[in-house]
Every structure is written in structure tokens, then in C-alpha cells.
Amino acid sequence: MKNFSDQLKLMRKVKGTTQKQVAEGSEIAERVYQRYESGERKPPFDKLITLADYFGVSIDYLVGRTDNPRINKNI
């Protein structure tokens, strides 16, 4: 199982965006986002939803509970 910070970084790189772009697109302060990605901090539930929506994946995928990005996602 992947951990949240590794999964977040991987999704950002696959999408081809910078930390700043993800932070702005998710309305999260850039330094806060950097801490999520480094594993220094975990996001509150509302920011977890925002990040999952930004990347177009389920929360389960975002936190590394599944390899299927669409599980529990209404698509």
C-alpha cells in the first residue's frame, strides 16, 4: 500500500504540474501543500476531498487504499 504523501507526489508528477499549481488549483497555501507532499502534515477531511477532486480520483486512491482511481467515485 502506498502512503498518502508518495501518492500525492506521484499524481502531481503524472499530471505534469508543480506544487504551486496544485496548491493554487486546490485553494491550499503552497507551504501547506508542500508539507502534505513531504509527509510532515496530513490534510483535514475537506482538503482531502478538494485534492481528490482536483486530481479526479477517489479519496481511497489518493490515500493509497486502492490501485483503482475510480473506486467509490461517481463517474
PDB file of N, CA and C in Angstrom:
ATOM      1  N   MET A   1       0.845  -1.185   0.000  1.00  0.00           N
ATOM      2  CA  MET A   1       0.000   0.000   0.000  1.00  0.00           C
ATOM      3  C   MET A   1       0.891   1.249   0.000  1.00  0.00           C
ATOM      4  N   LYS A   2       0.564   2.194  -0.865  1.00  0.00           N
ATOM      5  CA  LYS A   2       1.311   3.445  -0.949  1.00  0.00           C
ATOM      6  C   LYS A   2       0.857   4.382   0.165  1.00  0.00           C
ATOM      7  N   ASN A   3       1.760   5.242   0.590  1.00  0.00           N
ATOM      8  CA  ASN A   3       1.330   6.225   1.587  1.00  0.00           C
ATOM      9  C   ASN A   3       0.845   7.496   0.891  1.00  0.00           C
ATOM     10  N   PHE A   4       0.127   8.287   1.630  1.00  0.00           N
ATOM     11  CA  PHE A   4      -0.518   9.482   1.080  1.00  0.00           C
ATOM     12  C   PHE A   4       0.469  10.433   0.409  1.00  0.00           C
ATOM     13  N   SER A   5       1.558  10.750   1.073  1.00  0.00           N
ATOM     14  CA  SER A   5       2.486  11.743   0.528  1.00  0.00           C
ATOM     15  C   SER A   5       3.115  11.251  -0.784  1.00  0.00           C
ATOM     16  N   ASP A   6       3.471   9.970  -0.845  1.00  0.00           N
ATOM     17  CA  ASP A   6       4.041   9.428  -2.086  1.00  0.00           C
ATOM     18  C   ASP A   6       3.011   9.439  -3.216  1.00  0.00           C
ATOM     19  N   GLN A   7       1.785   9.076  -2.891  1.00  0.00           N
ATOM     20  CA  GLN A   7       0.713   9.051  -3.884  1.00  0.00           C
ATOM     21  C   GLN A   7       0.438  10.468  -4.415  1.00  0.00           C
ATOM     22  N   LEU A   8       0.408  11.431  -3.511  1.00  0.00           N
ATOM     23  CA  LEU A   8       0.155  12.822  -3.887  1.00  0.00           C
ATOM     24  C   LEU A   8       1.236  13.326  -4.848  1.00  0.00           C
ATOM     25  N   LYS A   9       2.482  13.053  -4.497  1.00  0.00           N
ATOM     26  CA  LYS A   9       3.601  13.480  -5.341  1.00  0.00           C
ATOM     27  C   LYS A   9       3.541  12.796  -6.703  1.00  0.00           C
ATOM     28  N   LEU A  10       3.250  11.496  -6.726  1.00  0.00           N
ATOM     29  CA  LEU A  10       3.146  10.755  -7.980  1.00  0.00           C
ATOM     30  C   LEU A  10       2.052  11.327  -8.872  1.00  0.00           C
ATOM     31  N   MET A  11       0.883  11.597  -8.301  1.00  0.00           N
ATOM     32  CA  MET A  11      -0.220  12.136  -9.098  1.00  0.00           C
ATOM     33  C   MET A  11       0.121  13.507  -9.660  1.00  0.00           C
ATOM     34  N   ARG A  12       0.801  14.320  -8.871  1.00  0.00           N
ATOM     35  CA  ARG A  12       1.192  15.645  -9.359  1.00  0.00           C
ATOM     36  C   ARG A  12       2.155  15.522 -10.534  1.00  0.00           C
ATOM     37  N   LYS A  13       3.121  14.618 -10.417  1.00  0.00           N
ATOM     38  CA  LYS A  13       4.097  14.448 -11.490  1.00  0.00           C
ATOM     39  C   LYS A  13       3.449  13.879 -12.748  1.00  0.00           C
ATOM     40  N   VAL A  14       2.546  12.914 -12.577  1.00  0.00           N
ATOM     41  CA  VAL A  14       1.845  12.335 -13.727  1.00  0.00           C
ATOM     42  C   VAL A  14       1.027  13.404 -14.438  1.00  0.00           C
ATOM     43  N   LYS A  15       0.415  14.282 -13.658  1.00  0.00           N
ATOM     44  CA  LYS A  15      -0.389  15.358 -14.237  1.00  0.00           C
ATOM     45  C   LYS A  15       0.495  16.447 -14.863  1.00  0.00           C
ATOM     46  N   GLY A  16       1.773  16.467 -14.496  1.00  0.00           N
ATOM     47  CA  GLY A  16       2.700  17.445 -15.056  1.00  0.00           C
ATOM     48  C   GLY A  16       2.546  18.833 -14.469  1.00  0.00           C
ATOM     49  N   THR A  17       2.189  18.896 -13.196  1.00  0.00           N
ATOM     50  CA  THR A  17       2.003  20.192 -12.550  1.00  0.00           C
ATOM     51  C   THR A  17       3.039  20.404 -11.454  1.00  0.00           C
ATOM     52  N   THR A  18       3.196  21.648 -11.072  1.00  0.00           N
ATOM     53  CA  THR A  18       4.090  21.993  -9.974  1.00  0.00           C
ATOM     54  C   THR A  18       3.314  21.998  -8.657  1.00  0.00           C
ATOM     55  N   GLN A  19       4.042  22.011  -7.571  1.00  0.00           N
ATOM     56  CA  GLN A  19       3.386  22.120  -6.259  1.00  0.00           C
ATOM     57  C   GLN A  19       2.573  23.406  -6.190  1.00  0.00           C
ATOM     58  N   LYS A  20       3.119  24.464  -6.726  1.00  0.00           N
ATOM     59  CA  LYS A  20       2.417  25.751  -6.712  1.00  0.00           C
ATOM     60  C   LYS A  20       1.103  25.673  -7.482  1.00  0.00           C
ATOM     61  N   GLN A  21       1.106  25.031  -8.639  1.00  0.00           N
ATOM     62  CA  GLN A  21      -0.113  24.903  -9.434  1.00  0.00           C
ATOM     63  C   GLN A  21      -1.186  24.086  -8.710  1.00  0.00           C
ATOM     64  N   VAL A  22      -0.775  22.999  -8.082  1.00  0.00           N
ATOM     65  CA  VAL A  22      -1.740  22.184  -7.333  1.00  0.00           C
ATOM     66  C   VAL A  22      -2.295  22.989  -6.167  1.00  0.00           C
ATOM     67  N   ALA A  23      -1.419  23.671  -5.450  1.00  0.00           N
ATOM     68  CA  ALA A  23      -1.852  24.474  -4.309  1.00  0.00           C
ATOM     69  C   ALA A  23      -2.859  25.540  -4.737  1.00  0.00           C
ATOM     70  N   GLU A  24      -2.546  26.255  -5.800  1.00  0.00           N
ATOM     71  CA  GLU A  24      -3.459  27.295  -6.280  1.00  0.00           C
ATOM     72  C   GLU A  24      -4.775  26.701  -6.769  1.00  0.00           C
ATOM     73  N   GLY A  25      -4.696  25.606  -7.515  1.00  0.00           N
ATOM     74  CA  GLY A  25      -5.895  24.966  -8.044  1.00  0.00           C
ATOM     75  C   GLY A  25      -6.779  24.341  -6.975  1.00  0.00           C
ATOM     76  N   SER A  26      -6.181  24.048  -5.834  1.00  0.00           N
ATOM     77  CA  SER A  26      -6.912  23.438  -4.723  1.00  0.00           C
ATOM     78  C   SER A  26      -7.241  24.433  -3.614  1.00  0.00           C
ATOM     79  N   GLU A  27      -6.820  25.668  -3.817  1.00  0.00           N
ATOM     80  CA  GLU A  27      -7.005  26.723  -2.815  1.00  0.00           C
ATOM     81  C   GLU A  27      -6.397  26.330  -1.468  1.00  0.00           C
ATOM     82  N   ILE A  28      -5.158  25.844  -1.544  1.00  0.00           N
ATOM     83  CA  ILE A  28      -4.376  25.457  -0.367  1.00  0.00           C
ATOM     84  C   ILE A  28      -3.103  26.293  -0.413  1.00  0.00           C
ATOM     85  N   ALA A  29      -2.662  26.801   0.716  1.00  0.00           N
ATOM     86  CA  ALA A  29      -1.409  27.553   0.743  1.00  0.00           C
ATOM     87  C   ALA A  29      -0.278  26.646   0.243  1.00  0.00           C
ATOM     88  N   GLU A  30       0.614  27.205  -0.548  1.00  0.00           N
ATOM     89  CA  GLU A  30       1.674  26.408  -1.151  1.00  0.00           C
ATOM     90  C   GLU A  30       2.512  25.672  -0.106  1.00  0.00           C
ATOM     91  N   ARG A  31       2.877  26.345   0.966  1.00  0.00           N
ATOM     92  CA  ARG A  31       3.699  25.702   2.006  1.00  0.00           C
ATOM     93  C   ARG A  31       2.935  24.558   2.678  1.00  0.00           C
ATOM     94  N   VAL A  32       1.642  24.721   2.858  1.00  0.00           N
ATOM     95  CA  VAL A  32       0.823  23.657   3.444  1.00  0.00           C
ATOM     96  C   VAL A  32       0.815  22.458   2.504  1.00  0.00           C
ATOM     97  N   TYR A  33       0.612  22.711   1.210  1.00  0.00           N
ATOM     98  CA  TYR A  33       0.642  21.617   0.243  1.00  0.00           C
ATOM     99  C   TYR A  33       1.999  20.919   0.262  1.00  0.00           C
ATOM    100  N   GLN A  34       3.081  21.672   0.313  1.00  0.00           N
ATOM    101  CA  GLN A  34       4.426  21.083   0.362  1.00  0.00           C
ATOM    102  C   GLN A  34       4.568  20.161   1.575  1.00  0.00           C
ATOM    103  N   ARG A  35       3.973  20.541   2.680  1.00  0.00           N
ATOM    104  CA  ARG A  35       4.027  19.699   3.881  1.00  0.00           C
ATOM    105  C   ARG A  35       3.210  18.417   3.711  1.00  0.00           C
ATOM    106  N   TYR A  36       2.108  18.483   2.984  1.00  0.00           N
ATOM    107  CA  TYR A  36       1.342  17.273   2.685  1.00  0.00           C
ATOM    108  C   TYR A  36       2.208  16.318   1.866  1.00  0.00           C
ATOM    109  N   GLU A  37       2.856  16.865   0.854  1.00  0.00           N
ATOM    110  CA  GLU A  37       3.644  16.044  -0.052  1.00  0.00           C
ATOM    111  C   GLU A  37       4.902  15.486   0.611  1.00  0.00           C
ATOM    112  N   SER A  38       5.454  16.208   1.555  1.00  0.00           N
ATOM    113  CA  SER A  38       6.659  15.729   2.253  1.00  0.00           C
ATOM    114  C   SER A  38       6.318  14.773   3.390  1.00  0.00           C
ATOM    115  N   GLY A  39       5.048  14.689   3.733  1.00  0.00           N
ATOM    116  CA  GLY A  39       4.631  13.805   4.817  1.00  0.00           C
ATOM    117  C   GLY A  39       4.695  14.452   6.194  1.00  0.00           C
ATOM    118  N   GLU A  40       5.020  15.738   6.244  1.00  0.00           N
ATOM    119  CA  GLU A  40       5.100  16.453   7.520  1.00  0.00           C
ATOM    120  C   GLU A  40       3.718  16.713   8.117  1.00  0.00           C
ATOM    121  N   ARG A  41       2.704  16.713   7.261  1.00  0.00           N
ATOM    122  CA  ARG A  41       1.357  17.092   7.701  1.00  0.00           C
ATOM    123  C   ARG A  41       0.321  16.301   6.901  1.00  0.00           C
ATOM    124  N   LYS A  42      -0.798  15.986   7.530  1.00  0.00           N
ATOM    125  CA  LYS A  42      -1.929  15.324   6.865  1.00  0.00           C
ATOM    126  C   LYS A  42      -3.048  16.340   6.692  1.00  0.00           C
ATOM    127  N   PRO A  43      -3.756  16.272   5.560  1.00  0.00           N
ATOM    128  CA  PRO A  43      -4.814  17.253   5.318  1.00  0.00           C
ATOM    129  C   PRO A  43      -6.076  16.947   6.112  1.00  0.00           C
ATOM    130  N   PRO A  44      -6.824  17.991   6.473  1.00  0.00           N
ATOM    131  CA  PRO A  44      -8.142  17.758   7.064  1.00  0.00           C
ATOM    132  C   PRO A  44      -9.076  17.197   5.987  1.00  0.00           C
ATOM    133  N   PHE A  45     -10.178  16.640   6.417  1.00  0.00           N
ATOM    134  CA  PHE A  45     -11.111  15.965   5.527  1.00  0.00           C
ATOM    135  C   PHE A  45     -11.528  16.829   4.344  1.00  0.00           C
ATOM    136  N   ASP A  46     -11.851  18.085   4.582  1.00  0.00           N
ATOM    137  CA  ASP A  46     -12.310  18.940   3.477  1.00  0.00           C
ATOM    138  C   ASP A  46     -11.226  19.156   2.424  1.00  0.00           C
ATOM    139  N   LYS A  47      -9.967  19.245   2.829  1.00  0.00           N
ATOM    140  CA  LYS A  47      -8.873  19.420   1.874  1.00  0.00           C
ATOM    141  C   LYS A  47      -8.577  18.113   1.143  1.00  0.00           C
ATOM    142  N   LEU A  48      -8.793  16.996   1.814  1.00  0.00           N
ATOM    143  CA  LEU A  48      -8.638  15.693   1.178  1.00  0.00           C
ATOM    144  C   LEU A  48      -9.630  15.556   0.021  1.00  0.00           C
ATOM    145  N   ILE A  49     -10.851  15.972   0.256  1.00  0.00           N
ATOM    146  CA  ILE A  49     -11.874  15.963  -0.799  1.00  0.00           C
ATOM    147  C   ILE A  49     -11.468  16.891  -1.933  1.00  0.00           C
ATOM    148  N   THR A  50     -11.000  18.077  -1.601  1.00  0.00           N
ATOM    149  CA  THR A  50     -10.573  19.050  -2.603  1.00  0.00           C
ATOM    150  C   THR A  50      -9.451  18.490  -3.474  1.00  0.00           C
ATOM    151  N   LEU A  51      -8.474  17.839  -2.845  1.00  0.00           N
ATOM    152  CA  LEU A  51      -7.359  17.266  -3.602  1.00  0.00           C
ATOM    153  C   LEU A  51      -7.817  16.104  -4.481  1.00  0.00           C
ATOM    154  N   ALA A  52      -8.690  15.260  -3.957  1.00  0.00           N
ATOM    155  CA  ALA A  52      -9.219  14.148  -4.759  1.00  0.00           C
ATOM    156  C   ALA A  52      -9.970  14.694  -5.974  1.00  0.00           C
ATOM    157  N   ASP A  53     -10.761  15.725  -5.765  1.00  0.00           N
ATOM    158  CA  ASP A  53     -11.486  16.353  -6.875  1.00  0.00           C
ATOM    159  C   ASP A  53     -10.523  16.992  -7.877  1.00  0.00           C
ATOM    160  N   TYR A  54      -9.491  17.649  -7.385  1.00  0.00           N
ATOM    161  CA  TYR A  54      -8.509  18.290  -8.259  1.00  0.00           C
ATOM    162  C   TYR A  54      -7.871  17.266  -9.197  1.00  0.00           C
ATOM    163  N   PHE A  55      -7.493  16.109  -8.640  1.00  0.00           N
ATOM    164  CA  PHE A  55      -6.842  15.083  -9.442  1.00  0.00           C
ATOM    165  C   PHE A  55      -7.832  14.158 -10.152  1.00  0.00           C
ATOM    166  N   GLY A  56      -9.119  14.288  -9.836  1.00  0.00           N
ATOM    167  CA  GLY A  56     -10.135  13.467 -10.481  1.00  0.00           C
ATOM    168  C   GLY A  56     -10.092  12.011 -10.075  1.00  0.00           C
ATOM    169  N   VAL A  57      -9.773  11.761  -8.810  1.00  0.00           N
ATOM    170  CA  VAL A  57      -9.677  10.393  -8.296  1.00  0.00           C
ATOM    171  C   VAL A  57     -10.501  10.258  -7.023  1.00  0.00           C
ATOM    172  N   SER A  58     -10.667   9.015  -6.579  1.00  0.00           N
ATOM    173  CA  SER A  58     -11.369   8.781  -5.316  1.00  0.00           C
ATOM    174  C   SER A  58     -10.431   9.069  -4.140  1.00  0.00           C
ATOM    175  N   ILE A  59     -11.001   9.301  -2.996  1.00  0.00           N
ATOM    176  CA  ILE A  59     -10.195   9.509  -1.791  1.00  0.00           C
ATOM    177  C   ILE A  59      -9.418   8.238  -1.467  1.00  0.00           C
ATOM    178  N   ASP A  60     -10.031   7.070  -1.659  1.00  0.00           N
ATOM    179  CA  ASP A  60      -9.326   5.802  -1.410  1.00  0.00           C
ATOM    180  C   ASP A  60      -8.050   5.707  -2.242  1.00  0.00           C
ATOM    181  N   TYR A  61      -8.123   6.113  -3.490  1.00  0.00           N
ATOM    182  CA  TYR A  61      -6.936   6.096  -4.343  1.00  0.00           C
ATOM    183  C   TYR A  61      -5.911   7.109  -3.856  1.00  0.00           C
ATOM    184  N   LEU A  62      -6.375   8.280  -3.517  1.00  0.00           N
ATOM    185  CA  LEU A  62      -5.485   9.353  -3.060  1.00  0.00           C
ATOM    186  C   LEU A  62      -4.695   8.937  -1.823  1.00  0.00           C
ATOM    187  N   VAL A  63      -5.316   8.222  -0.911  1.00  0.00           N
ATOM    188  CA  VAL A  63      -4.629   7.835   0.327  1.00  0.00           C
ATOM    189  C   VAL A  63      -3.943   6.477   0.218  1.00  0.00           C
ATOM    190  N   GLY A  64      -3.989   5.859  -0.985  1.00  0.00           N
ATOM    191  CA  GLY A  64      -3.268   4.619  -1.205  1.00  0.00           C
ATOM    192  C   GLY A  64      -3.977   3.358  -0.769  1.00  0.00           C
ATOM    193  N   ARG A  65      -5.296   3.410  -0.567  1.00  0.00           N
ATOM    194  CA  ARG A  65      -6.049   2.233  -0.142  1.00  0.00           C
ATOM    195  C   ARG A  65      -6.432   1.324  -1.300  1.00  0.00           C
ATOM    196  N   THR A  66      -6.320   1.821  -2.534  1.00  0.00           N
ATOM    197  CA  THR A  66      -6.638   1.038  -3.721  1.00  0.00           C
ATOM    198  C   THR A  66      -5.781   1.510  -4.880  1.00  0.00           C
ATOM    199  N   ASP A  67      -5.612   0.624  -5.853  1.00  0.00           N
ATOM    200  CA  ASP A  67      -4.891   0.991  -7.066  1.00  0.00           C
ATOM    201  C   ASP A  67      -5.840   1.470  -8.158  1.00  0.00           C
ATOM    202  N   ASN A  68      -7.126   1.440  -7.870  1.00  0.00           N
ATOM    203  CA  ASN A  68      -8.138   1.856  -8.837  1.00  0.00           C
ATOM    204  C   ASN A  68      -8.572   3.297  -8.521  1.00  0.00           C
ATOM    205  N   PRO A  69      -8.218   4.257  -9.381  1.00  0.00           N
ATOM    206  CA  PRO A  69      -8.563   5.656  -9.093  1.00  0.00           C
ATOM    207  C   PRO A  69     -10.057   5.953  -9.118  1.00  0.00           C
ATOM    208  N   ARG A  70     -10.856   5.044  -9.651  1.00  0.00           N
ATOM    209  CA  ARG A  70     -12.284   5.299  -9.811  1.00  0.00           C
ATOM    210  C   ARG A  70     -13.163   4.619  -8.757  1.00  0.00           C
ATOM    211  N   ILE A  71     -12.608   3.791  -7.898  1.00  0.00           N
ATOM    212  CA  ILE A  71     -13.418   3.129  -6.875  1.00  0.00           C
ATOM    213  C   ILE A  71     -14.110   4.176  -6.006  1.00  0.00           C
ATOM    214  N   ASN A  72     -15.393   3.955  -5.766  1.00  0.00           N
ATOM    215  CA  ASN A  72     -16.222   4.852  -4.940  1.00  0.00           C
ATOM    216  C   ASN A  72     -16.349   6.248  -5.524  1.00  0.00           C
ATOM    217  N   LYS A  73     -16.107   6.381  -6.800  1.00  0.00           N
ATOM    218  CA  LYS A  73     -16.222   7.675  -7.462  1.00  0.00           C
ATOM    219  C   LYS A  73     -17.372   7.590  -8.453  1.00  0.00           C
ATOM    220  N   ASN A  74     -18.272   8.527  -8.415  1.00  0.00           N
ATOM    221  CA  ASN A  74     -19.429   8.533  -9.308  1.00  0.00           C
ATOM    222  C   ASN A  74     -19.052   9.101 -10.659  1.00  0.00           C
ATOM    223  N   ILE A  75     -18.529   8.239 -11.514  1.00  0.00           N
ATOM    224  CA  ILE A  75     -18.136   8.668 -12.870  1.00  0.00           C
ATOM    225  C   ILE A  75     -18.853   7.797 -13.875  1.00  0.00           C
TER     226      ILE A  75
END
